[in-house]
Amino acid sequence: MAARATFIFHAIFLTSFQLLLTYHVSSAARGLWKYIAPNVGISAMHMQLLHNDRVVMYDRTNFGPSNISLPNGNCRDNPNDVVSKLDCTAHSIEYDVVMNTVRPLTVQSNTWCSSGSVRPDGVLVQTGGDRDGELKARTFSPCDNNQCDWVEINNGLTKRRWYASNHILPDGKQIVIGGQAQFNYEFFPKTTNPNVVALPFLAETHDRGQENNLYPFVFMNTDGNLFIFANNRAILLDYVKNTVVKTFPAIPRGDPRNYPSTGSAVLLPLKNLEADIIETEVLVCGGAPKGSYNLAFRKKTFVKALDTCARIKINDAKPQWTVENMPHARVMGDMILLPNGDVLIINGGSFGTAAWELGREPVLAPDLYHPENPVNSRFESLRPTTIPRMYHSAAILLRDGRVLVGGSNPHAFYNFTGVLFPTELSLEAFSPVYLQREFSDLRPKIITPKPQSTIKYGMNLKLKFTVAGEVNTPVKVTMVFPTFTTHSFSMNQRLLVLDNVKFTRKGKSPTYEVQVRTPKSANIAWPGYYMIFVVNQNIPSEGVWVRLQ
């Protein structure tokens, strides 16, 4: 630290009375919104849930002060800041979900538009950023005593990683793919010499003057290869041999889906995990038509966003995209896998593109996608929020089944007045319909396994739970990996439906036991901390953290 200063730390402590006052009353109109924190000090550009139910959030470090002070009156030299060379404010926070409080964290270099994932031991690894942060890696080890903070690793990367995507690998390492002007990938920790491997696909999908291939959508297939989507098409990559093992067709019409024509994507829930070949589907939604970025940036003409989703079975012999229409055109939306297997599409705008000042007409209503329904009956619109969440917003699933929503800062600096969409420092929580009171009798409560239990690959796992009301079989058990979310993409997002082995009722009490089979390999589910849920009649329990190893 360069100096110490007298600075007021504005911690956010909301009482239950305050929460009651800010509760958005809803009818049975498909979900509830709750305004849970008016000001957490930063705009939540990046989010990661950790296995102690705390969420690490961060912004960037070179655009002036935030609204929350560094701890203990600390300051740091910040020569790259265009506003102040001495910065006494925090640009990262830890949000305690249970206590609804925040504490400031310290980052020493610029984390702007970076990427990350959680290691098998639960440590958050963040990579890249801009300027003095572009070659950095940083780690954050969860703690319960409020003493943990960011640790920076100089030259943790070989190439500048800005707008890259990360994915955790079966061996616990991370692959870091792409970024601005980077048509390659590397590993963290560094594993080879040289550590950078060319990926021509990223050059092929680069639109000159617009890019449209940043923050590529990356998912691990159940064979261990990586599905990589950029712009409007995808490949299946054997990253060990650096070989493209399958090339997928472009989505019909060929419109771009990646930054700055930002759509979103999920790997749909994986099920029948004991099968030799597991059906694996990717869903890509939203984005902006070809040329939208240039029209918005150069002419201030804002084109209507895409209102389509495209779905593909990547393990088919001849995979083809199936295109569906969403209720809303949407760019900069987030896609979140819910514990019951539905997909929530939330945030964003209906005109323009990502990037500063280029989005228009916020989409306030989330949409819900039911992947098991027939085509043309999969979507429904949910209750809208009142707060626009445009560029640099984020959303993640919490263990209690709510979706945490924050961020939105489409400006070069924090700007709260005189603009279309003021910088948002608030947090909201969206409660899907399954959390509504009328379903409380159907909601399971897990008794065992206990939180933080360790489970092994290929074992029979017994879950004991209670349900006050009726139980319909088969009861579903799902495992969800916590995501690193930024720029409308939730990295490492994965939901597994475990194969049922046996279901029993324990006597006359409302206690039940379901026995399921855990994933058989790290290609299906890499090691680490997962949230495990019991789902009865589409109503999930609160999750329990377990560690798969």
Protein backbone atom coordinates (compact mmCIF):
# COMPACT_ATOMS: atom_id res chain seq x y z
CA MET A 1 0.00 0.00 0.00
CA ALA A 2 1.38 3.40 -0.92
CA ALA A 3 -0.36 5.40 1.77
CA ARG A 4 -3.10 5.44 4.35
CA ALA A 5 -6.01 7.81 4.30
CA THR A 6 -9.05 8.59 6.39
CA PHE A 7 -11.87 7.16 4.28
CA ILE A 8 -15.36 6.14 5.31
CA PHE A 9 -16.19 2.49 4.65
CA HIS A 10 -19.85 2.29 3.75
CA ALA A 11 -20.70 -1.32 4.60
CA ILE A 12 -24.15 -2.41 3.57
CA PHE A 13 -26.21 -3.98 6.35
CA LEU A 14 -29.89 -4.40 5.50
CA THR A 15 -32.21 -5.37 8.32
CA SER A 16 -35.14 -7.67 7.81
CA PHE A 17 -37.38 -4.62 8.22
CA GLN A 18 -35.63 -2.89 5.33
CA LEU A 19 -35.92 -5.98 3.20
CA LEU A 20 -39.64 -6.09 3.91
CA LEU A 21 -40.00 -2.51 2.74
CA THR A 22 -38.22 -3.19 -0.53
CA TYR A 23 -40.08 -6.39 -1.39
CA HIS A 24 -41.74 -6.21 -4.81
CA VAL A 25 -45.22 -7.62 -4.23
CA SER A 26 -46.19 -10.09 -6.91
CA SER A 27 -49.31 -12.00 -7.73
CA ALA A 28 -49.00 -15.51 -9.11
CA ALA A 29 -47.49 -13.72 -12.09
CA ARG A 30 -44.58 -16.04 -12.41
CA GLY A 31 -41.86 -15.10 -9.98
CA LEU A 32 -40.89 -12.54 -7.39
CA TRP A 33 -38.33 -9.75 -7.36
CA LYS A 34 -36.65 -8.53 -4.20
CA TYR A 35 -34.45 -5.45 -3.98
CA ILE A 36 -31.80 -6.70 -1.55
CA ALA A 37 -29.08 -4.04 -1.54
CA PRO A 38 -29.26 -0.47 -2.89
CA ASN A 39 -25.51 0.08 -3.00
CA VAL A 40 -22.77 -2.54 -2.70
CA GLY A 41 -20.11 0.00 -3.65
CA ILE A 42 -19.24 -1.32 -7.10
CA SER A 43 -21.06 -2.27 -10.28
CA ALA A 44 -21.01 -6.06 -10.45
CA MET A 45 -19.42 -6.69 -13.85
CA HIS A 46 -18.09 -10.11 -12.79
CA MET A 47 -19.60 -12.58 -10.28
CA GLN A 48 -18.59 -15.94 -8.80
CA LEU A 49 -20.43 -17.90 -6.11
CA LEU A 50 -18.15 -19.77 -3.71
CA HIS A 51 -18.89 -22.86 -1.61
CA ASN A 52 -19.25 -20.80 1.58
CA ASP A 53 -22.25 -18.99 0.08
CA ARG A 54 -20.34 -15.81 -0.59
CA VAL A 55 -20.15 -14.12 -3.96
CA VAL A 56 -17.00 -12.40 -5.18
CA MET A 57 -17.72 -9.47 -7.49
CA TYR A 58 -15.41 -7.04 -9.21
CA ASP A 59 -15.31 -4.25 -11.73
CA ARG A 60 -12.26 -2.45 -13.20
CA THR A 61 -9.59 -0.39 -11.47
CA ASN A 62 -8.60 2.45 -13.80
CA PHE A 63 -11.63 4.75 -14.04
CA GLY A 64 -11.69 6.64 -10.77
CA PRO A 65 -13.07 5.87 -7.32
CA SER A 66 -15.84 3.40 -6.57
CA ASN A 67 -18.42 3.92 -3.82
CA ILE A 68 -16.76 1.73 -1.19
CA SER A 69 -13.47 2.39 0.60
CA LEU A 70 -10.57 0.01 0.93
CA PRO A 71 -10.35 -1.57 4.39
CA ASN A 72 -8.44 0.07 7.23
CA GLY A 73 -8.11 3.37 5.40
CA ASN A 74 -5.70 1.89 2.88
CA CYS A 75 -4.86 3.45 -0.48
CA ARG A 76 -2.79 2.26 -3.42
CA ASP A 77 -0.79 3.87 -6.20
CA ASN A 78 -2.70 3.56 -9.46
CA PRO A 79 -0.65 5.14 -12.27
CA ASN A 80 -3.01 3.81 -14.98
CA ASP A 81 -6.09 5.50 -13.52
CA VAL A 82 -7.26 8.34 -15.76
CA VAL A 83 -8.96 10.07 -12.81
CA SER A 84 -6.84 9.62 -9.71
CA LYS A 85 -3.30 8.30 -9.30
CA LEU A 86 -3.95 7.49 -5.65
CA ASP A 87 -6.96 5.24 -5.16
CA CYS A 88 -8.44 4.65 -1.72
CA THR A 89 -11.50 2.75 -2.92
CA ALA A 90 -12.20 -0.93 -3.56
CA HIS A 91 -13.06 -2.36 -6.97
CA SER A 92 -13.93 -5.82 -5.71
CA ILE A 93 -16.22 -6.99 -2.92
CA GLU A 94 -17.32 -10.16 -1.19
CA TYR A 95 -21.08 -10.41 -0.75
CA ASP A 96 -22.32 -12.66 2.06
CA VAL A 97 -25.60 -14.16 0.80
CA VAL A 98 -26.80 -15.30 4.22
CA MET A 99 -26.00 -12.10 6.11
CA ASN A 100 -26.73 -9.76 3.17
CA THR A 101 -23.54 -7.77 3.83
CA VAL A 102 -20.52 -6.80 1.80
CA ARG A 103 -16.86 -6.27 2.58
CA PRO A 104 -14.27 -4.60 0.33
CA LEU A 105 -11.48 -6.57 -1.31
CA THR A 106 -8.22 -5.34 -2.79
CA VAL A 107 -7.09 -5.89 -6.36
CA GLN A 108 -3.74 -4.41 -7.33
CA SER A 109 -4.15 -4.37 -11.11
CA ASN A 110 -6.88 -3.98 -13.71
CA THR A 111 -9.41 -6.82 -13.82
CA TRP A 112 -11.57 -5.24 -16.54
CA CYS A 113 -13.36 -7.70 -18.85
CA SER A 114 -11.52 -10.76 -17.56
CA SER A 115 -12.40 -14.40 -16.94
CA GLY A 116 -12.08 -17.17 -14.38
CA SER A 117 -13.32 -20.35 -12.75
CA VAL A 118 -13.16 -22.24 -9.46
CA ARG A 119 -10.50 -24.88 -8.85
CA PRO A 120 -11.40 -28.31 -7.45
CA ASP A 121 -10.33 -27.11 -3.99
CA GLY A 122 -12.81 -24.23 -4.14
CA VAL A 123 -10.28 -21.47 -4.82
CA LEU A 124 -11.35 -18.86 -7.37
CA VAL A 125 -8.80 -18.35 -10.14
CA GLN A 126 -9.20 -15.18 -12.20
CA THR A 127 -7.14 -14.51 -15.31
CA GLY A 128 -6.29 -11.44 -17.35
CA GLY A 129 -7.78 -7.99 -17.67
CA ASP A 130 -6.54 -4.80 -19.26
CA ARG A 131 -3.24 -2.90 -19.26
CA ASP A 132 -1.31 -3.68 -16.06
CA GLY A 133 -3.64 -6.64 -15.47
CA GLU A 134 -3.55 -8.28 -18.88
CA LEU A 135 -0.92 -10.92 -18.01
CA LYS A 136 -1.91 -11.35 -14.38
CA ALA A 137 -3.63 -14.24 -12.68
CA ARG A 138 -5.24 -13.82 -9.28
CA THR A 139 -6.54 -16.25 -6.69
CA PHE A 140 -9.10 -15.89 -3.93
CA SER A 141 -9.34 -18.59 -1.25
CA PRO A 142 -12.73 -18.65 0.53
CA CYS A 143 -12.69 -18.02 4.27
CA ASP A 144 -15.23 -17.44 7.03
CA ASN A 145 -13.19 -15.01 9.13
CA ASN A 146 -13.19 -12.11 6.63
CA GLN A 147 -9.39 -12.19 6.42
CA CYS A 148 -9.00 -13.58 2.89
CA ASP A 149 -8.24 -11.34 -0.07
CA TRP A 150 -6.95 -11.42 -3.62
CA VAL A 151 -3.44 -12.76 -4.28
CA GLU A 152 -1.86 -11.58 -7.54
CA ILE A 153 0.43 -13.73 -9.68
CA ASN A 154 2.69 -11.74 -11.98
CA ASN A 155 3.09 -13.16 -15.49
CA GLY A 156 0.64 -15.90 -14.73
CA LEU A 157 -0.34 -15.73 -18.40
CA THR A 158 1.75 -15.79 -21.55
CA LYS A 159 -0.54 -13.70 -23.74
CA ARG A 160 -2.77 -10.72 -23.09
CA ARG A 161 -6.21 -12.03 -22.12
CA TRP A 162 -8.95 -9.44 -22.45
CA TYR A 163 -12.49 -10.71 -23.28
CA ALA A 164 -11.31 -14.35 -23.08
CA SER A 165 -13.22 -17.38 -21.81
CA ASN A 166 -12.05 -19.95 -19.28
CA HIS A 167 -13.05 -23.53 -18.67
CA ILE A 168 -12.06 -25.87 -15.87
CA LEU A 169 -10.56 -29.14 -17.16
CA PRO A 170 -10.84 -32.70 -15.78
CA ASP A 171 -7.38 -32.45 -14.22
CA GLY A 172 -8.30 -29.24 -12.40
CA LYS A 173 -6.31 -26.89 -14.61
CA GLN A 174 -7.93 -24.11 -16.63
CA ILE A 175 -7.86 -23.46 -20.33
CA VAL A 176 -8.00 -19.78 -21.33
CA ILE A 177 -9.34 -19.28 -24.85
CA GLY A 178 -9.16 -16.23 -27.09
CA GLY A 179 -9.47 -12.62 -26.13
CA GLN A 180 -9.01 -9.49 -28.17
CA ALA A 181 -6.54 -10.17 -31.02
CA GLN A 182 -5.67 -13.55 -29.50
CA PHE A 183 -6.44 -16.42 -31.87
CA ASN A 184 -5.03 -19.04 -29.53
CA TYR A 185 -5.39 -20.63 -26.12
CA GLU A 186 -3.19 -21.36 -23.12
CA PHE A 187 -3.36 -23.09 -19.78
CA PHE A 188 -3.22 -21.97 -16.18
CA PRO A 189 -1.09 -22.96 -14.41
CA LYS A 190 1.30 -22.99 -17.35
CA THR A 191 1.80 -26.55 -18.54
CA THR A 192 3.88 -26.48 -21.72
CA ASN A 193 6.74 -24.53 -23.23
CA PRO A 194 5.66 -22.56 -25.13
CA ASN A 195 2.34 -22.34 -23.35
CA VAL A 196 0.36 -20.82 -26.25
CA VAL A 197 -1.40 -22.95 -28.87
CA ALA A 198 -2.76 -21.46 -32.10
CA LEU A 199 -6.48 -21.81 -32.76
CA PRO A 200 -7.22 -20.73 -36.36
CA PHE A 201 -10.96 -21.05 -35.75
CA LEU A 202 -10.84 -17.79 -33.78
CA ALA A 203 -9.23 -15.97 -36.70
CA GLU A 204 -11.81 -17.44 -39.08
CA THR A 205 -14.70 -16.19 -36.93
CA HIS A 206 -13.28 -12.68 -36.44
CA ASP A 207 -15.29 -9.98 -38.23
CA ARG A 208 -12.94 -7.17 -39.13
CA GLY A 209 -13.86 -3.94 -37.38
CA GLN A 210 -16.51 -5.68 -35.25
CA GLU A 211 -14.89 -8.88 -33.89
CA ASN A 212 -18.08 -10.74 -32.88
CA ASN A 213 -16.05 -13.65 -31.50
CA LEU A 214 -14.96 -12.40 -28.08
CA TYR A 215 -15.96 -14.27 -24.93
CA PRO A 216 -16.49 -17.45 -26.97
CA PHE A 217 -19.01 -19.91 -25.54
CA VAL A 218 -17.06 -22.94 -24.27
CA PHE A 219 -18.50 -26.21 -22.91
CA MET A 220 -16.87 -29.53 -22.13
CA ASN A 221 -18.42 -32.41 -24.03
CA THR A 222 -18.87 -35.71 -22.21
CA ASP A 223 -15.99 -37.20 -24.26
CA GLY A 224 -13.58 -34.62 -22.81
CA ASN A 225 -13.37 -32.46 -25.93
CA LEU A 226 -14.35 -28.78 -25.89
CA PHE A 227 -17.30 -27.34 -27.79
CA ILE A 228 -16.25 -23.80 -28.76
CA PHE A 229 -18.78 -21.42 -30.30
CA ALA A 230 -17.69 -18.09 -31.77
CA ASN A 231 -19.64 -15.63 -33.91
CA ASN A 232 -22.21 -17.93 -35.55
CA ARG A 233 -20.67 -21.40 -35.60
CA ALA A 234 -18.72 -23.93 -33.56
CA ILE A 235 -16.08 -26.63 -33.46
CA LEU A 236 -15.31 -29.57 -31.19
CA LEU A 237 -11.68 -29.30 -30.12
CA ASP A 238 -9.35 -31.96 -28.76
CA TYR A 239 -7.27 -29.47 -26.78
CA VAL A 240 -4.66 -32.09 -25.87
CA LYS A 241 -3.77 -32.80 -29.50
CA ASN A 242 -4.91 -29.37 -30.77
CA THR A 243 -7.11 -31.12 -33.32
CA VAL A 244 -10.56 -30.09 -34.52
CA VAL A 245 -12.52 -33.35 -34.31
CA LYS A 246 -15.84 -31.95 -35.56
CA THR A 247 -17.03 -28.82 -37.35
CA PHE A 248 -20.61 -27.68 -36.82
CA PRO A 249 -22.70 -25.74 -39.35
CA ALA A 250 -23.40 -22.06 -38.87
CA ILE A 251 -26.68 -21.13 -37.24
CA PRO A 252 -29.22 -20.43 -40.02
CA ARG A 253 -29.05 -16.81 -41.27
CA GLY A 254 -25.52 -16.53 -39.90
CA ASP A 255 -26.05 -13.66 -37.49
CA PRO A 256 -23.36 -13.23 -34.80
CA ARG A 257 -23.97 -14.22 -31.19
CA ASN A 258 -20.74 -13.23 -29.42
CA TYR A 259 -19.36 -9.94 -28.15
CA PRO A 260 -20.14 -7.24 -29.12
CA SER A 261 -23.21 -8.79 -30.79
CA THR A 262 -23.68 -10.43 -27.44
CA GLY A 263 -26.04 -13.35 -27.03
CA SER A 264 -25.67 -16.10 -24.46
CA ALA A 265 -25.51 -19.89 -24.32
CA VAL A 266 -25.90 -22.89 -22.03
CA LEU A 267 -25.16 -26.57 -22.13
CA LEU A 268 -28.57 -28.07 -21.44
CA PRO A 269 -28.90 -30.48 -18.49
CA LEU A 270 -26.98 -33.74 -18.92
CA LYS A 271 -28.92 -36.90 -18.10
CA ASN A 272 -28.71 -40.67 -18.62
CA LEU A 273 -25.14 -40.37 -17.43
CA GLU A 274 -24.48 -44.13 -17.53
CA ALA A 275 -25.04 -44.27 -21.30
CA ASP A 276 -22.10 -44.99 -23.61
CA ILE A 277 -22.86 -41.83 -25.58
CA ILE A 278 -24.61 -39.12 -23.55
CA GLU A 279 -26.94 -36.82 -25.46
CA THR A 280 -25.40 -33.38 -25.18
CA GLU A 281 -27.25 -30.27 -26.35
CA VAL A 282 -26.20 -26.62 -26.55
CA LEU A 283 -28.68 -23.74 -26.61
CA VAL A 284 -27.63 -20.32 -27.96
CA CYS A 285 -30.04 -17.40 -27.55
CA GLY A 286 -30.15 -13.77 -28.62
CA GLY A 287 -27.46 -11.58 -30.14
CA ALA A 288 -27.53 -8.90 -32.81
CA PRO A 289 -27.88 -9.00 -36.61
CA LYS A 290 -24.84 -8.64 -38.84
CA GLY A 291 -23.50 -5.10 -38.92
CA SER A 292 -25.36 -3.97 -35.80
CA TYR A 293 -22.21 -2.92 -33.95
CA ASN A 294 -20.94 -0.65 -36.72
CA LEU A 295 -24.36 0.90 -37.21
CA ALA A 296 -24.64 1.64 -33.49
CA PHE A 297 -21.06 2.82 -33.01
CA ARG A 298 -20.67 4.93 -36.16
CA LYS A 299 -24.18 6.10 -36.99
CA LYS A 300 -26.08 5.77 -33.70
CA THR A 301 -28.58 3.54 -35.48
CA PHE A 302 -29.76 0.83 -33.13
CA VAL A 303 -30.95 -2.35 -34.84
CA LYS A 304 -33.44 -4.67 -33.19
CA ALA A 305 -31.73 -7.57 -31.42
CA LEU A 306 -32.22 -11.20 -32.40
CA ASP A 307 -35.32 -12.95 -31.05
CA THR A 308 -34.15 -16.48 -31.84
CA CYS A 309 -32.55 -19.38 -30.01
CA ALA A 310 -30.70 -22.19 -31.75
CA ARG A 311 -30.32 -25.68 -30.29
CA ILE A 312 -28.02 -28.50 -31.42
CA LYS A 313 -27.20 -32.07 -30.35
CA ILE A 314 -23.44 -32.00 -30.58
CA ASN A 315 -22.90 -35.77 -30.41
CA ASP A 316 -25.19 -36.55 -33.34
CA ALA A 317 -23.52 -37.97 -36.44
CA LYS A 318 -24.78 -35.03 -38.52
CA PRO A 319 -25.74 -32.32 -36.05
CA GLN A 320 -28.06 -29.55 -37.20
CA TRP A 321 -29.41 -26.44 -35.48
CA THR A 322 -33.09 -26.16 -34.58
CA VAL A 323 -34.20 -22.51 -34.42
CA GLU A 324 -36.93 -21.27 -32.07
CA ASN A 325 -38.38 -17.83 -31.39
CA MET A 326 -38.14 -16.17 -27.98
CA PRO A 327 -40.86 -13.95 -26.51
CA HIS A 328 -38.42 -11.01 -26.55
CA ALA A 329 -35.62 -9.89 -28.82
CA ARG A 330 -32.59 -9.72 -26.53
CA VAL A 331 -28.94 -8.70 -26.66
CA MET A 332 -26.68 -8.83 -23.56
CA GLY A 333 -28.97 -11.34 -21.85
CA ASP A 334 -27.79 -13.89 -19.27
CA MET A 335 -28.81 -17.55 -19.37
CA ILE A 336 -28.99 -19.40 -16.05
CA LEU A 337 -29.64 -23.10 -15.50
CA LEU A 338 -32.14 -23.49 -12.67
CA PRO A 339 -31.99 -26.51 -10.31
CA ASN A 340 -35.04 -28.13 -11.93
CA GLY A 341 -33.42 -28.00 -15.38
CA ASP A 342 -35.27 -24.99 -16.78
CA VAL A 343 -33.30 -22.10 -18.31
CA LEU A 344 -33.82 -18.52 -17.15
CA ILE A 345 -33.04 -15.79 -19.70
CA ILE A 346 -32.63 -12.44 -17.96
CA ASN A 347 -31.16 -8.91 -18.36
CA GLY A 348 -30.20 -7.08 -21.54
CA GLY A 349 -31.76 -4.83 -24.16
CA SER A 350 -33.84 -5.24 -27.29
CA PHE A 351 -31.92 -2.88 -29.61
CA GLY A 352 -28.26 -2.19 -30.31
CA THR A 353 -25.24 -4.15 -29.10
CA ALA A 354 -22.86 -4.50 -26.20
CA ALA A 355 -20.14 -1.86 -25.57
CA TRP A 356 -20.36 1.59 -24.05
CA GLU A 357 -23.59 3.48 -24.81
CA LEU A 358 -24.68 1.12 -27.61
CA GLY A 359 -27.66 -0.69 -26.07
CA ARG A 360 -31.25 0.55 -26.08
CA GLU A 361 -34.70 -0.41 -24.74
CA PRO A 362 -34.05 -2.70 -21.77
CA VAL A 363 -35.83 -6.03 -21.56
CA LEU A 364 -37.21 -5.98 -18.03
CA ALA A 365 -39.09 -9.30 -18.15
CA PRO A 366 -37.15 -12.56 -17.84
CA ASP A 367 -38.11 -15.47 -20.07
CA LEU A 368 -38.21 -19.08 -18.94
CA TYR A 369 -37.27 -21.92 -21.30
CA HIS A 370 -38.53 -25.44 -20.62
CA PRO A 371 -36.14 -27.71 -22.57
CA GLU A 372 -38.30 -30.84 -22.12
CA ASN A 373 -41.39 -29.30 -23.74
CA PRO A 374 -42.20 -29.68 -27.45
CA VAL A 375 -40.98 -27.02 -29.87
CA ASN A 376 -43.18 -23.89 -29.86
CA SER A 377 -44.29 -24.52 -26.27
CA ARG A 378 -41.01 -24.02 -24.43
CA PHE A 379 -41.09 -20.32 -23.54
CA GLU A 380 -42.99 -18.23 -21.04
CA SER A 381 -42.45 -14.66 -19.91
CA LEU A 382 -42.08 -13.89 -16.22
CA ARG A 383 -42.66 -10.94 -13.94
CA PRO A 384 -40.55 -7.91 -14.95
CA THR A 385 -38.16 -5.96 -12.79
CA THR A 386 -38.12 -2.17 -12.72
CA ILE A 387 -34.34 -1.80 -13.03
CA PRO A 388 -32.62 -1.89 -16.44
CA ARG A 389 -29.68 -4.28 -16.50
CA MET A 390 -27.76 -3.42 -19.64
CA TYR A 391 -24.06 -3.69 -20.55
CA HIS A 392 -21.82 -4.97 -17.74
CA SER A 393 -24.61 -6.61 -15.76
CA ALA A 394 -24.51 -10.17 -14.43
CA ALA A 395 -26.67 -12.91 -12.89
CA ILE A 396 -25.89 -16.14 -11.03
CA LEU A 397 -27.77 -18.99 -9.36
CA LEU A 398 -27.65 -19.11 -5.57
CA ARG A 399 -27.86 -22.25 -3.44
CA ASP A 400 -31.34 -21.34 -2.19
CA GLY A 401 -32.66 -21.36 -5.77
CA ARG A 402 -32.85 -17.60 -6.23
CA VAL A 403 -30.99 -15.79 -9.01
CA LEU A 404 -28.77 -12.91 -7.92
CA VAL A 405 -28.80 -9.98 -10.36
CA GLY A 406 -26.46 -6.99 -10.32
CA GLY A 407 -24.36 -4.59 -12.32
CA SER A 408 -25.14 -2.51 -15.41
CA ASN A 409 -22.71 0.24 -16.31
CA PRO A 410 -22.71 1.08 -20.02
CA HIS A 411 -20.39 4.07 -19.45
CA ALA A 412 -16.65 4.69 -19.38
CA PHE A 413 -17.00 5.87 -15.77
CA TYR A 414 -19.57 5.61 -12.99
CA ASN A 415 -22.35 7.89 -14.17
CA PHE A 416 -25.52 8.29 -12.11
CA THR A 417 -27.23 11.30 -13.71
CA GLY A 418 -28.06 12.68 -17.13
CA VAL A 419 -27.80 9.35 -18.97
CA LEU A 420 -30.29 6.83 -20.32
CA PHE A 421 -29.14 4.04 -18.03
CA PRO A 422 -27.40 5.22 -14.85
CA THR A 423 -24.66 3.08 -13.35
CA GLU A 424 -26.22 0.44 -11.09
CA LEU A 425 -24.60 -0.44 -7.77
CA SER A 426 -27.65 -2.34 -6.51
CA LEU A 427 -28.40 -6.04 -6.16
CA GLU A 428 -31.71 -7.76 -6.76
CA ALA A 429 -32.79 -11.36 -6.30
CA PHE A 430 -35.26 -13.02 -8.62
CA SER A 431 -37.21 -15.93 -7.11
CA PRO A 432 -38.54 -18.30 -9.79
CA VAL A 433 -42.06 -19.61 -9.47
CA TYR A 434 -40.89 -22.74 -7.65
CA LEU A 435 -40.10 -20.58 -4.60
CA GLN A 436 -43.63 -19.23 -4.30
CA ARG A 437 -45.49 -20.03 -1.09
CA GLU A 438 -48.14 -22.20 -2.70
CA PHE A 439 -45.47 -24.80 -3.52
CA SER A 440 -43.92 -25.00 -0.05
CA ASP A 441 -45.60 -28.36 0.72
CA LEU A 442 -43.97 -29.87 -2.36
CA ARG A 443 -40.50 -28.53 -1.63
CA PRO A 444 -38.03 -31.18 -0.42
CA LYS A 445 -35.65 -30.49 2.46
CA ILE A 446 -32.40 -32.44 2.35
CA ILE A 447 -31.33 -34.13 5.60
CA THR A 448 -28.33 -35.99 4.26
CA PRO A 449 -25.71 -35.68 2.89
CA LYS A 450 -24.54 -32.98 5.26
CA PRO A 451 -23.12 -29.73 3.81
CA GLN A 452 -19.53 -29.93 2.56
CA SER A 453 -19.62 -33.75 2.35
CA THR A 454 -17.22 -35.46 -0.03
CA ILE A 455 -18.58 -37.79 -2.70
CA LYS A 456 -16.71 -40.06 -5.09
CA TYR A 457 -17.04 -40.87 -8.77
CA GLY A 458 -19.26 -43.81 -9.73
CA MET A 459 -20.75 -44.39 -6.28
CA ASN A 460 -24.31 -44.96 -5.11
CA LEU A 461 -25.22 -41.81 -3.20
CA LYS A 462 -28.13 -41.84 -0.74
CA LEU A 463 -30.06 -38.62 -0.15
CA LYS A 464 -32.52 -38.50 2.72
CA PHE A 465 -35.10 -35.73 2.58
CA THR A 466 -38.50 -34.67 3.85
CA VAL A 467 -41.53 -33.38 1.96
CA ALA A 468 -44.67 -32.16 3.75
CA GLY A 469 -46.98 -32.80 0.79
CA GLU A 470 -47.28 -35.30 -2.03
CA VAL A 471 -44.21 -36.88 -3.59
CA ASN A 472 -44.40 -38.03 -7.17
CA THR A 473 -41.82 -40.42 -8.52
CA PRO A 474 -39.39 -40.34 -10.08
CA VAL A 475 -37.82 -37.76 -7.81
CA LYS A 476 -35.01 -35.98 -9.62
CA VAL A 477 -31.57 -35.23 -8.17
CA THR A 478 -29.46 -32.55 -9.86
CA MET A 479 -25.91 -31.29 -9.38
CA VAL A 480 -25.00 -27.74 -10.42
CA PHE A 481 -21.50 -26.28 -10.69
CA PRO A 482 -21.19 -22.60 -9.64
CA THR A 483 -20.46 -20.29 -12.55
CA PHE A 484 -18.12 -17.42 -13.25
CA THR A 485 -20.38 -14.90 -14.98
CA THR A 486 -19.52 -11.80 -16.98
CA HIS A 487 -20.58 -10.23 -20.28
CA SER A 488 -23.67 -12.46 -20.61
CA PHE A 489 -21.78 -15.76 -20.41
CA SER A 490 -21.70 -18.07 -17.41
CA MET A 491 -18.43 -19.95 -17.71
CA ASN A 492 -18.29 -23.57 -16.49
CA GLN A 493 -22.08 -23.74 -16.17
CA ARG A 494 -23.15 -27.38 -15.87
CA LEU A 495 -26.17 -29.22 -14.54
CA LEU A 496 -26.25 -33.00 -14.21
CA VAL A 497 -29.37 -35.12 -13.63
CA LEU A 498 -28.13 -38.11 -11.65
CA ASP A 499 -29.41 -41.56 -12.58
CA ASN A 500 -31.94 -42.96 -10.08
CA VAL A 501 -31.15 -46.34 -8.55
CA LYS A 502 -33.74 -46.71 -5.78
CA PHE A 503 -36.48 -44.70 -4.03
CA THR A 504 -38.01 -45.54 -0.64
CA ARG A 505 -40.26 -43.99 1.96
CA LYS A 506 -38.95 -44.26 5.51
CA GLY A 507 -41.90 -45.52 7.55
CA LYS A 508 -45.06 -43.41 7.87
CA SER A 509 -43.20 -40.13 8.35
CA PRO A 510 -42.76 -37.64 5.47
CA THR A 511 -39.15 -38.79 5.15
CA TYR A 512 -37.84 -40.33 1.95
CA GLU A 513 -34.59 -41.67 0.57
CA VAL A 514 -33.46 -41.63 -3.02
CA GLN A 515 -30.38 -43.44 -4.18
CA VAL A 516 -28.60 -42.11 -7.25
CA ARG A 517 -25.43 -42.83 -9.18
CA THR A 518 -22.75 -40.14 -9.16
CA PRO A 519 -20.97 -39.28 -12.45
CA LYS A 520 -18.56 -41.96 -13.61
CA SER A 521 -15.77 -39.73 -14.91
CA ALA A 522 -14.26 -36.25 -14.75
CA ASN A 523 -15.19 -35.71 -18.40
CA ILE A 524 -18.83 -35.74 -17.34
CA ALA A 525 -18.28 -33.73 -14.15
CA TRP A 526 -14.87 -32.32 -13.32
CA PRO A 527 -13.83 -32.46 -9.64
CA GLY A 528 -14.88 -29.65 -7.34
CA TYR A 529 -17.71 -28.24 -5.25
CA TYR A 530 -21.25 -28.66 -6.58
CA MET A 531 -24.68 -27.74 -5.30
CA ILE A 532 -26.89 -30.83 -5.10
CA PHE A 533 -30.70 -30.54 -5.21
CA VAL A 534 -33.68 -32.87 -4.83
CA VAL A 535 -36.52 -31.96 -7.22
CA ASN A 536 -40.11 -33.03 -6.58
CA GLN A 537 -42.74 -32.21 -9.22
CA ASN A 538 -40.40 -29.58 -10.66
CA ILE A 539 -39.96 -27.95 -7.22
CA PRO A 540 -36.31 -28.06 -6.07
CA SER A 541 -35.04 -28.21 -2.53
CA GLU A 542 -32.48 -25.77 -1.23
CA GLY A 543 -29.11 -27.00 -2.43
CA VAL A 544 -26.39 -28.63 -0.34
CA TRP A 545 -22.71 -28.16 -1.12
CA VAL A 546 -20.84 -31.40 -1.82
CA ARG A 547 -17.31 -31.94 -3.05
CA LEU A 548 -16.82 -34.38 -5.92
CA GLN A 549 -13.37 -35.94 -6.03
